[in-house]
Amino acid sequence: MLSLQPQKTMSRVCDLSGKKALKGNNVSHSNKKTKRRFYPNLQTKKFFIPETGEWITLKVAASTMKTIDKKGISACINNLFKKGKI
């Protein structure tokens, strides 16, 4: 039996920074412009939170992973709580 429900697709948005696709143009040699999208470099990654002792899986941009390496995952998540995004 066929299911008539629409398929759920995952969005291409960073879970921590909120980065998402940008719009732009492909520009040919003749300077003809067609629409295109610039997608962020998203990676699915598991992080260990030492305070709670559990693992979480997040879809984060590569630039956000550099920030997590610098500040730590706990500081990044606490920063989102302070901003009210989580």
Protein backbone atom coordinates (compact mmCIF):
# COMPACT_ATOMS: atom_id res chain seq x y z
CA MET A 1 0.00 0.00 0.00
CA LEU A 2 1.36 3.41 -0.95
CA SER A 3 1.67 6.08 1.69
CA LEU A 4 0.28 9.44 0.62
CA GLN A 5 2.04 11.39 3.37
CA PRO A 6 4.75 13.78 2.20
CA GLN A 7 8.31 12.75 2.87
CA LYS A 8 10.07 14.57 5.67
CA THR A 9 13.38 16.05 4.62
CA MET A 10 15.96 17.32 7.04
CA SER A 11 16.78 20.99 6.78
CA ARG A 12 20.28 22.15 5.92
CA VAL A 13 20.68 24.34 9.01
CA CYS A 14 23.43 24.23 11.64
CA ASP A 15 22.01 23.20 15.03
CA LEU A 16 24.25 25.56 17.01
CA SER A 17 25.03 28.59 14.86
CA GLY A 18 21.87 28.59 12.72
CA LYS A 19 23.82 28.90 9.47
CA LYS A 20 21.71 28.06 6.42
CA ALA A 21 21.85 28.24 2.65
CA LEU A 22 22.41 31.57 0.89
CA LYS A 23 21.13 32.58 -2.53
CA GLY A 24 23.31 33.73 -5.39
CA ASN A 25 23.96 33.52 -9.10
CA ASN A 26 25.93 31.27 -11.40
CA VAL A 27 27.63 33.66 -13.79
CA SER A 28 28.67 32.25 -17.18
CA HIS A 29 31.44 33.51 -19.43
CA SER A 30 28.82 35.47 -21.39
CA ASN A 31 27.73 37.06 -18.06
CA LYS A 32 24.37 35.25 -18.12
CA LYS A 33 23.09 34.75 -14.57
CA THR A 34 21.08 31.81 -13.23
CA LYS A 35 20.03 31.24 -9.62
CA ARG A 36 21.97 28.90 -7.35
CA ARG A 37 22.35 28.22 -3.63
CA PHE A 38 25.42 28.24 -1.40
CA TYR A 39 25.06 25.50 1.22
CA PRO A 40 26.96 25.48 4.52
CA ASN A 41 29.51 22.74 5.15
CA LEU A 42 27.35 20.66 7.52
CA GLN A 43 28.65 17.57 9.27
CA THR A 44 26.82 15.17 11.58
CA LYS A 45 28.92 14.80 14.72
CA LYS A 46 28.55 13.19 18.15
CA PHE A 47 29.64 15.26 21.14
CA PHE A 48 30.20 14.12 24.72
CA ILE A 49 28.86 16.42 27.44
CA PRO A 50 30.92 15.75 30.58
CA GLU A 51 28.50 17.52 32.98
CA THR A 52 25.66 15.12 32.18
CA GLY A 53 27.80 12.19 31.04
CA GLU A 54 25.83 11.68 27.82
CA TRP A 55 26.45 11.84 24.08
CA ILE A 56 24.44 14.09 21.74
CA THR A 57 24.36 14.07 17.95
CA LEU A 58 24.28 17.45 16.25
CA LYS A 59 24.42 18.65 12.66
CA VAL A 60 26.96 21.47 12.79
CA ALA A 61 28.91 23.54 10.27
CA ALA A 62 32.66 22.99 10.01
CA SER A 63 33.29 26.55 11.19
CA THR A 64 31.14 25.86 14.25
CA MET A 65 33.23 22.77 15.03
CA LYS A 66 36.29 25.03 15.20
CA THR A 67 34.45 27.21 17.73
CA ILE A 68 33.50 24.12 19.76
CA ASP A 69 37.16 23.02 19.77
CA LYS A 70 38.14 26.46 21.06
CA LYS A 71 35.42 27.09 23.68
CA GLY A 72 34.08 23.61 24.41
CA ILE A 73 30.66 22.10 23.73
CA SER A 74 29.28 23.04 27.15
CA ALA A 75 30.13 26.73 26.70
CA CYS A 76 28.52 26.78 23.23
CA ILE A 77 25.31 25.17 24.48
CA ASN A 78 25.17 27.45 27.53
CA ASN A 79 25.59 30.44 25.22
CA LEU A 80 22.51 29.31 23.26
CA PHE A 81 20.52 28.99 26.48
CA LYS A 82 21.47 32.55 27.45
CA LYS A 83 20.37 33.86 24.05
CA GLY A 84 17.09 31.94 24.36
CA LYS A 85 17.56 29.91 21.16
CA ILE A 86 17.12 26.58 22.91
